[in-house]
Amino acid sequence: MTPAMRLSRPLTIYATIVLCLSIALLTLHTYSPMASIPTLSSHTGGGGIPPSYYNNDGLDVPDANDEEHVPDVVLRANATLLMLARNSEINAAVLTVKELEDQFNHKYRYPWVFLNEQFFTEEFKQRVSILTSGPVYFEKIPDEHWYQPNSINEAVAEEERRKMEDDGVIYGGSVSYRNMCRYNSGFFYRHPLLQNFKYYWRVEPGATFHCDVNFDPFVFMQENNKVYGFTITLYEFPRTIESLWSTVRDFTTEHPEFVSPNSAMDFISDDEGESYNLCHFWSNFEIADMDFWRGPAYTAFFDYLESRGGFYYERWGDAPVHSIAAALFGGTDRIHFFNEIGYEHPPFTHCPSSSELWRLGRCTCDLANNVDYNEHSCFWRWGRMSGQ
């Protein structure tokens, strides 16, 4: 064998190895989940998150103990993650916080706000604080925002609670549940700390997030002029809201100027507003614009509901109240269904309806276990009306 032949043989072997490695790397890139994001538009259905919102690399997030590496991270939108929790819910709260941090917020480092009708314990604050990637705030709810107002006739309210309890209505006898519903309907966005924020993502202790969230829903809401986002829609218990729709009709008769010309009336009524079909967005998950709640339409609407006393004389929930307002005053084009976000709050689960979204989100939910397509869900009404 000549010297030239001896030299060319290792070069040939080297070139072959390089070629094989190149092909392997190209193959891995071609079939990686993020590389296939441009194909999403053909799988998400109408109104899905466009591929341009997906974040391949995330923000520059250092090790929490690396004090020398403090990147200049600008929050993508004026927004916060929001949890209403009691000290007794600490174990459920930390599991949910860690899950949402791991699957979303470690990439974006949005702040967390925790609200409680009592002062948070040091244990609660310590166990939560070690999990969060952004600033965290623990605040007490003002008493005047939480407790039953003096305008309520307690004797009448107590009798109604007894009747509901006798009828087996869930939380029918609970005053604290009514306080929570009223607070979430008309007061949380008035908290002094939340005046600094526009958007919020409501997070419930014990909720499960099944998928990686590889896009920023706040930026999507902001850039597309959305005021309300949801994952699950259900029917309300009729016994809890017997006079709510008549009150809504009275209000819209007095204030027709607040009703959007593109209202989602067909989602909440099957007869052009004569009656309420009980459909609502399940508000233990909601991503929404607090400026919408702070605006003139919703402010007047909530004050009107408050004057009727239905939060205590019946058991009006924040889910139908928010849903009716978003449908009537926000309109169809300002409400968004986040199909991509796998979410569970017992006993219901939303799992992305597309196997492609399920794969890209590395979801842990069962595709076959999706409340969107069972008898408890109003999603078919939303899909028929909105095209999402």
Protein backbone atom coordinates (compact mmCIF):
# COMPACT_ATOMS: atom_id res chain seq x y z
CA MET A 1 0.00 0.00 0.00
CA THR A 2 1.44 3.38 -1.00
CA PRO A 3 1.84 6.23 1.55
CA ALA A 4 -0.91 8.13 -0.26
CA MET A 5 -3.30 5.19 0.12
CA ARG A 6 -2.45 4.84 3.82
CA LEU A 7 -3.20 8.56 4.30
CA SER A 8 -6.46 8.55 2.35
CA ARG A 9 -7.97 5.62 4.28
CA PRO A 10 -8.32 7.41 7.70
CA LEU A 11 -9.51 10.53 5.88
CA THR A 12 -12.21 8.48 4.17
CA ILE A 13 -13.26 6.92 7.48
CA TYR A 14 -13.31 10.37 9.12
CA ALA A 15 -15.43 11.83 6.31
CA THR A 16 -17.86 8.91 6.60
CA ILE A 17 -18.23 9.46 10.36
CA VAL A 18 -18.83 13.20 9.87
CA LEU A 19 -21.42 12.51 7.18
CA CYS A 20 -23.24 10.01 9.42
CA LEU A 21 -23.25 12.40 12.37
CA SER A 22 -24.55 15.20 10.15
CA ILE A 23 -27.38 13.04 8.89
CA ALA A 24 -28.24 11.98 12.43
CA LEU A 25 -28.28 15.56 13.69
CA LEU A 26 -30.37 16.67 10.73
CA THR A 27 -32.80 13.82 11.39
CA LEU A 28 -33.10 14.73 15.06
CA HIS A 29 -33.72 18.36 14.17
CA THR A 30 -36.26 17.51 11.51
CA TYR A 31 -38.35 15.37 13.84
CA SER A 32 -37.98 17.38 17.07
CA PRO A 33 -41.25 18.70 18.51
CA MET A 34 -40.28 22.36 18.18
CA ALA A 35 -39.13 21.90 14.58
CA SER A 36 -42.62 20.78 13.64
CA ILE A 37 -44.37 23.81 15.12
CA PRO A 38 -44.99 25.42 11.69
CA THR A 39 -47.35 22.54 10.95
CA LEU A 40 -49.59 23.47 13.88
CA SER A 41 -51.95 25.60 11.87
CA SER A 42 -53.27 22.52 10.13
CA HIS A 43 -53.95 20.71 13.42
CA THR A 44 -55.28 23.27 15.88
CA GLY A 45 -58.56 24.09 14.19
CA GLY A 46 -59.97 27.60 13.91
CA GLY A 47 -58.60 30.14 16.33
CA GLY A 48 -55.57 28.18 17.57
CA ILE A 49 -52.36 29.85 18.75
CA PRO A 50 -50.35 30.80 15.63
CA PRO A 51 -46.86 29.20 15.34
CA SER A 52 -45.20 32.62 15.68
CA TYR A 53 -46.19 32.72 19.37
CA TYR A 54 -44.31 29.56 20.25
CA ASN A 55 -41.07 30.04 22.13
CA ASN A 56 -38.30 27.67 21.06
CA ASP A 57 -35.61 28.78 23.43
CA GLY A 58 -37.30 30.43 26.42
CA LEU A 59 -35.81 33.36 28.30
CA ASP A 60 -32.33 33.34 29.78
CA VAL A 61 -33.18 31.88 33.19
CA PRO A 62 -30.18 31.33 35.49
CA ASP A 63 -29.74 28.97 38.37
CA ALA A 64 -31.50 30.50 41.36
CA ASN A 65 -28.24 30.28 43.33
CA ASP A 66 -26.11 31.93 40.65
CA GLU A 67 -25.89 35.47 41.98
CA GLU A 68 -23.41 36.60 39.30
CA HIS A 69 -25.69 35.69 36.43
CA VAL A 70 -28.65 38.04 36.59
CA PRO A 71 -29.99 38.49 33.05
CA ASP A 72 -31.96 41.53 31.99
CA VAL A 73 -35.40 39.95 31.58
CA VAL A 74 -38.30 42.18 30.64
CA LEU A 75 -41.75 40.75 31.36
CA ARG A 76 -43.51 40.08 28.12
CA ALA A 77 -46.85 41.60 29.18
CA ASN A 78 -48.17 43.48 32.20
CA ALA A 79 -49.54 40.35 33.85
CA THR A 80 -49.48 38.15 36.93
CA LEU A 81 -50.35 34.64 38.01
CA LEU A 82 -53.05 34.88 40.68
CA MET A 83 -54.06 32.40 43.37
CA LEU A 84 -56.76 32.79 46.02
CA ALA A 85 -55.84 30.35 48.77
CA ARG A 86 -56.20 29.60 52.45
CA ASN A 87 -53.32 28.59 54.70
CA SER A 88 -54.93 25.16 55.06
CA GLU A 89 -54.55 24.64 51.29
CA ILE A 90 -50.76 24.82 51.37
CA ASN A 91 -50.13 21.25 50.18
CA ALA A 92 -52.45 21.61 47.20
CA ALA A 93 -51.10 25.09 46.44
CA VAL A 94 -47.43 24.12 46.28
CA LEU A 95 -48.09 21.18 43.97
CA THR A 96 -49.98 23.40 41.55
CA VAL A 97 -47.44 26.23 41.71
CA LYS A 98 -44.54 23.87 41.04
CA GLU A 99 -46.34 22.29 38.12
CA LEU A 100 -47.16 25.60 36.45
CA GLU A 101 -43.64 26.88 37.07
CA ASP A 102 -42.14 23.76 35.52
CA GLN A 103 -44.45 23.77 32.52
CA PHE A 104 -44.74 27.48 31.84
CA ASN A 105 -43.44 30.18 34.12
CA HIS A 106 -39.78 29.20 34.46
CA LYS A 107 -39.49 30.37 30.84
CA TYR A 108 -41.18 33.74 31.44
CA ARG A 109 -40.82 34.52 35.16
CA TYR A 110 -44.13 36.31 35.61
CA PRO A 111 -44.91 37.40 39.18
CA TRP A 112 -47.29 35.54 41.46
CA VAL A 113 -49.90 37.19 43.67
CA PHE A 114 -51.46 35.16 46.49
CA LEU A 115 -54.61 36.45 48.21
CA ASN A 116 -56.21 35.23 51.43
CA GLU A 117 -58.96 36.53 53.72
CA GLN A 118 -56.50 35.88 56.58
CA PHE A 119 -52.80 36.71 56.84
CA PHE A 120 -50.60 34.06 55.24
CA THR A 121 -48.50 31.99 57.60
CA GLU A 122 -44.71 31.99 57.40
CA GLU A 123 -44.86 28.33 56.41
CA PHE A 124 -47.12 29.10 53.45
CA LYS A 125 -44.89 31.94 52.27
CA GLN A 126 -41.69 29.96 52.65
CA ARG A 127 -42.91 26.81 50.90
CA VAL A 128 -44.32 28.78 47.97
CA SER A 129 -41.43 31.24 47.61
CA ILE A 130 -38.81 28.56 46.93
CA LEU A 131 -40.82 27.43 43.89
CA THR A 132 -41.40 30.70 42.05
CA SER A 133 -39.10 32.03 39.33
CA GLY A 134 -40.45 35.59 39.43
CA PRO A 135 -41.44 38.03 42.18
CA VAL A 136 -44.04 36.76 44.66
CA TYR A 137 -46.50 38.71 46.80
CA PHE A 138 -48.69 37.54 49.69
CA GLU A 139 -51.60 39.84 50.47
CA LYS A 140 -54.60 39.92 52.77
CA ILE A 141 -58.01 40.68 51.27
CA PRO A 142 -59.64 43.79 52.78
CA ASP A 143 -62.51 42.76 55.07
CA GLU A 144 -64.96 45.03 53.28
CA HIS A 145 -64.29 43.17 50.03
CA TRP A 146 -64.73 39.70 51.48
CA TYR A 147 -67.48 39.52 54.07
CA GLN A 148 -71.23 39.67 53.56
CA PRO A 149 -72.30 43.34 53.36
CA ASN A 150 -74.64 44.91 55.89
CA SER A 151 -77.18 45.54 53.15
CA ILE A 152 -78.08 41.82 53.12
CA ASN A 153 -81.05 40.80 55.27
CA GLU A 154 -79.39 37.94 57.14
CA ALA A 155 -82.67 36.39 58.25
CA VAL A 156 -83.79 36.05 54.62
CA ALA A 157 -80.36 34.86 53.48
CA GLU A 158 -80.18 32.27 56.26
CA GLU A 159 -83.58 30.86 55.32
CA GLU A 160 -82.53 30.56 51.69
CA ARG A 161 -79.32 28.80 52.70
CA ARG A 162 -81.33 26.32 54.76
CA LYS A 163 -83.64 25.60 51.81
CA MET A 164 -80.72 25.04 49.45
CA GLU A 165 -79.03 22.76 51.93
CA ASP A 166 -82.26 20.78 52.29
CA ASP A 167 -82.43 20.55 48.50
CA GLY A 168 -78.90 19.12 48.37
CA VAL A 169 -77.40 22.06 46.45
CA ILE A 170 -73.60 21.96 46.52
CA TYR A 171 -72.32 24.66 48.90
CA GLY A 172 -75.96 25.60 49.38
CA GLY A 173 -75.52 26.30 53.09
CA SER A 174 -72.09 27.94 52.92
CA VAL A 175 -71.60 31.65 53.61
CA SER A 176 -67.84 31.46 52.94
CA TYR A 177 -68.45 30.04 49.46
CA ARG A 178 -70.78 32.92 48.71
CA ASN A 179 -68.15 35.36 49.97
CA MET A 180 -65.67 33.82 47.55
CA CYS A 181 -68.07 33.96 44.58
CA ARG A 182 -68.91 37.60 45.25
CA TYR A 183 -65.24 38.48 45.74
CA ASN A 184 -64.16 36.79 42.51
CA SER A 185 -67.05 38.44 40.68
CA GLY A 186 -66.47 42.02 41.68
CA PHE A 187 -63.59 42.73 44.02
CA PHE A 188 -60.33 40.86 43.38
CA TYR A 189 -59.27 43.23 40.59
CA ARG A 190 -59.78 46.17 43.00
CA HIS A 191 -57.09 44.92 45.39
CA PRO A 192 -54.45 47.67 45.76
CA LEU A 193 -51.60 45.40 44.66
CA LEU A 194 -53.42 44.27 41.51
CA GLN A 195 -53.79 47.87 40.33
CA ASN A 196 -50.25 47.42 38.99
CA PHE A 197 -51.34 44.71 36.56
CA LYS A 198 -53.56 44.41 33.50
CA TYR A 199 -53.78 40.66 32.79
CA TYR A 200 -54.05 37.74 35.20
CA TRP A 201 -54.09 33.97 35.04
CA ARG A 202 -56.28 32.55 37.77
CA VAL A 203 -54.73 29.45 39.30
CA GLU A 204 -56.68 27.23 41.70
CA PRO A 205 -54.98 25.27 44.52
CA GLY A 206 -55.02 21.59 43.56
CA ALA A 207 -55.48 22.19 39.84
CA THR A 208 -53.35 20.13 37.45
CA PHE A 209 -51.66 21.47 34.32
CA HIS A 210 -51.05 18.54 31.99
CA CYS A 211 -49.02 20.09 29.18
CA ASP A 212 -45.97 22.25 28.60
CA VAL A 213 -47.11 25.75 27.65
CA ASN A 214 -44.58 26.80 25.02
CA PHE A 215 -46.11 30.17 24.23
CA ASP A 216 -47.03 33.26 26.24
CA PRO A 217 -50.84 33.46 26.57
CA PHE A 218 -50.63 36.97 27.98
CA VAL A 219 -48.86 38.27 24.88
CA PHE A 220 -51.39 36.47 22.71
CA MET A 221 -54.25 38.13 24.61
CA GLN A 222 -52.59 41.52 24.37
CA GLU A 223 -51.74 41.41 20.69
CA ASN A 224 -55.13 40.04 19.66
CA ASN A 225 -57.28 42.34 21.81
CA LYS A 226 -58.75 39.46 23.83
CA VAL A 227 -60.43 40.06 27.18
CA TYR A 228 -61.20 36.51 28.32
CA GLY A 229 -59.62 33.08 27.85
CA PHE A 230 -60.91 29.68 29.00
CA THR A 231 -60.31 25.93 28.77
CA ILE A 232 -63.55 24.36 30.07
CA THR A 233 -67.18 25.33 29.68
CA LEU A 234 -70.04 23.74 31.64
CA TYR A 235 -73.69 24.12 32.63
CA GLU A 236 -74.54 25.95 35.87
CA PHE A 237 -76.82 24.51 38.57
CA PRO A 238 -80.17 26.21 37.86
CA ARG A 239 -81.20 26.24 41.52
CA THR A 240 -78.32 28.59 42.38
CA ILE A 241 -79.16 31.37 39.89
CA GLU A 242 -82.95 31.41 39.64
CA SER A 243 -83.21 35.19 39.25
CA LEU A 244 -79.84 35.93 37.63
CA TRP A 245 -81.00 36.03 34.02
CA SER A 246 -84.01 38.23 34.73
CA THR A 247 -81.60 40.61 36.48
CA VAL A 248 -79.30 40.54 33.44
CA ARG A 249 -82.21 41.32 31.15
CA ASP A 250 -83.29 44.21 33.36
CA PHE A 251 -79.76 45.60 33.23
CA THR A 252 -79.35 45.31 29.46
CA THR A 253 -82.77 46.91 28.96
CA GLU A 254 -81.58 49.90 30.98
CA HIS A 255 -78.10 49.91 29.38
CA PRO A 256 -78.28 48.64 25.80
CA GLU A 257 -75.21 50.73 24.99
CA PHE A 258 -72.99 48.22 26.79
CA VAL A 259 -74.00 45.19 24.70
CA SER A 260 -71.47 44.41 21.98
CA PRO A 261 -72.80 44.29 18.39
CA ASN A 262 -70.78 41.06 18.13
CA SER A 263 -72.04 39.60 21.40
CA ALA A 264 -71.83 35.87 22.09
CA MET A 265 -75.53 35.72 22.94
CA ASP A 266 -75.90 32.49 20.99
CA PHE A 267 -73.50 30.81 23.42
CA ILE A 268 -75.50 31.69 26.54
CA SER A 269 -79.04 31.66 25.13
CA ASP A 270 -80.91 29.43 22.70
CA ASP A 271 -83.77 31.86 22.11
CA GLU A 272 -82.07 35.20 21.42
CA GLY A 273 -81.93 36.21 25.05
CA GLU A 274 -85.36 35.23 26.30
CA SER A 275 -83.80 32.67 28.66
CA TYR A 276 -80.39 31.55 29.86
CA ASN A 277 -79.22 28.11 28.74
CA LEU A 278 -76.90 27.84 31.82
CA CYS A 279 -73.66 27.72 29.80
CA HIS A 280 -70.62 29.31 31.39
CA PHE A 281 -66.84 29.29 31.24
CA TRP A 282 -65.46 27.42 34.26
CA SER A 283 -63.74 30.27 36.01
CA ASN A 284 -61.30 28.34 38.21
CA PHE A 285 -59.19 28.69 35.07
CA GLU A 286 -59.34 32.04 33.38
CA ILE A 287 -56.82 34.28 31.68
CA ALA A 288 -58.38 37.70 31.41
CA ASP A 289 -57.97 41.45 31.20
CA MET A 290 -58.65 43.19 34.51
CA ASP A 291 -59.21 46.46 32.67
CA PHE A 292 -62.31 44.84 31.19
CA TRP A 293 -63.65 44.19 34.70
CA ARG A 294 -62.62 47.72 35.72
CA GLY A 295 -64.35 49.28 32.72
CA PRO A 296 -67.69 51.12 32.74
CA ALA A 297 -69.82 48.25 31.41
CA TYR A 298 -68.75 45.62 33.92
CA THR A 299 -68.60 48.10 36.81
CA ALA A 300 -72.20 49.12 36.20
CA PHE A 301 -73.19 45.48 35.69
CA PHE A 302 -71.64 44.23 38.92
CA ASP A 303 -73.09 47.13 40.93
CA TYR A 304 -76.50 46.24 39.53
CA LEU A 305 -76.11 42.58 40.54
CA GLU A 306 -74.85 43.61 43.96
CA SER A 307 -77.94 45.76 44.53
CA ARG A 308 -80.16 42.70 43.99
CA GLY A 309 -78.41 40.63 46.67
CA GLY A 310 -78.36 37.41 44.63
CA PHE A 311 -74.89 36.42 45.77
CA TYR A 312 -76.42 35.75 49.22
CA TYR A 313 -80.17 35.34 48.70
CA GLU A 314 -79.36 32.74 46.04
CA ARG A 315 -75.85 31.47 45.27
CA TRP A 316 -74.76 33.37 42.20
CA GLY A 317 -71.33 32.18 41.12
CA ASP A 318 -68.49 34.14 39.56
CA ALA A 319 -68.44 31.69 36.62
CA PRO A 320 -71.87 32.62 35.18
CA VAL A 321 -71.39 36.28 36.14
CA HIS A 322 -68.04 36.55 34.34
CA SER A 323 -69.24 34.45 31.41
CA ILE A 324 -72.41 36.45 30.80
CA ALA A 325 -70.46 39.71 30.98
CA ALA A 326 -67.68 38.53 28.66
CA ALA A 327 -70.27 37.19 26.18
CA LEU A 328 -72.46 40.28 26.16
CA PHE A 329 -70.01 43.15 26.67
CA GLY A 330 -66.79 41.66 25.30
CA GLY A 331 -68.13 39.80 22.30
CA THR A 332 -67.27 36.61 20.47
CA ASP A 333 -64.06 37.84 18.87
CA ARG A 334 -62.60 38.92 22.22
CA ILE A 335 -62.97 35.53 23.93
CA HIS A 336 -60.44 32.76 23.32
CA PHE A 337 -60.45 29.01 23.88
CA PHE A 338 -56.98 27.79 24.93
CA ASN A 339 -57.14 24.31 23.45
CA GLU A 340 -53.38 23.95 23.85
CA ILE A 341 -53.43 24.16 27.68
CA GLY A 342 -54.19 20.81 29.28
CA TYR A 343 -56.06 21.54 32.50
CA GLU A 344 -57.74 19.51 35.22
CA HIS A 345 -59.84 20.58 38.15
CA PRO A 346 -61.62 17.57 39.61
CA PRO A 347 -63.84 16.13 38.35
CA PHE A 348 -63.27 17.59 34.87
CA THR A 349 -60.30 17.61 32.50
CA HIS A 350 -59.61 19.47 29.30
CA CYS A 351 -57.01 17.67 27.16
CA PRO A 352 -55.93 19.20 23.83
CA SER A 353 -58.25 17.86 21.16
CA SER A 354 -55.46 17.36 18.60
CA SER A 355 -52.93 14.55 18.91
CA GLU A 356 -50.34 16.93 17.45
CA LEU A 357 -50.93 19.51 20.20
CA TRP A 358 -50.91 16.71 22.77
CA ARG A 359 -47.53 15.51 21.49
CA LEU A 360 -45.97 18.96 21.24
CA GLY A 361 -47.11 19.80 24.77
CA ARG A 362 -45.79 16.49 26.11
CA CYS A 363 -49.16 16.18 27.81
CA THR A 364 -49.87 13.73 30.62
CA CYS A 365 -53.65 13.76 30.14
CA ASP A 366 -55.57 11.01 28.36
CA LEU A 367 -56.76 12.22 24.95
CA ALA A 368 -59.92 10.18 25.43
CA ASN A 369 -60.70 11.87 28.75
CA ASN A 370 -61.80 15.29 27.54
CA VAL A 371 -64.81 17.04 29.04
CA ASP A 372 -65.24 19.05 25.82
CA TYR A 373 -67.11 16.16 24.24
CA ASN A 374 -69.31 14.85 27.02
CA GLU A 375 -72.77 15.78 28.21
CA HIS A 376 -71.51 18.16 30.92
CA SER A 377 -69.86 20.51 28.43
CA CYS A 378 -71.19 23.50 26.50
CA PHE A 379 -68.20 23.47 24.20
CA TRP A 380 -70.21 22.31 21.19
CA ARG A 381 -72.22 25.54 21.45
CA TRP A 382 -69.06 27.63 21.58
CA GLY A 383 -67.48 25.78 18.66
CA ARG A 384 -70.62 26.07 16.54
CA MET A 385 -70.87 29.80 17.16
CA SER A 386 -67.20 30.87 17.13
CA GLY A 387 -65.57 28.41 14.74
CA GLN A 388 -62.85 27.62 17.32
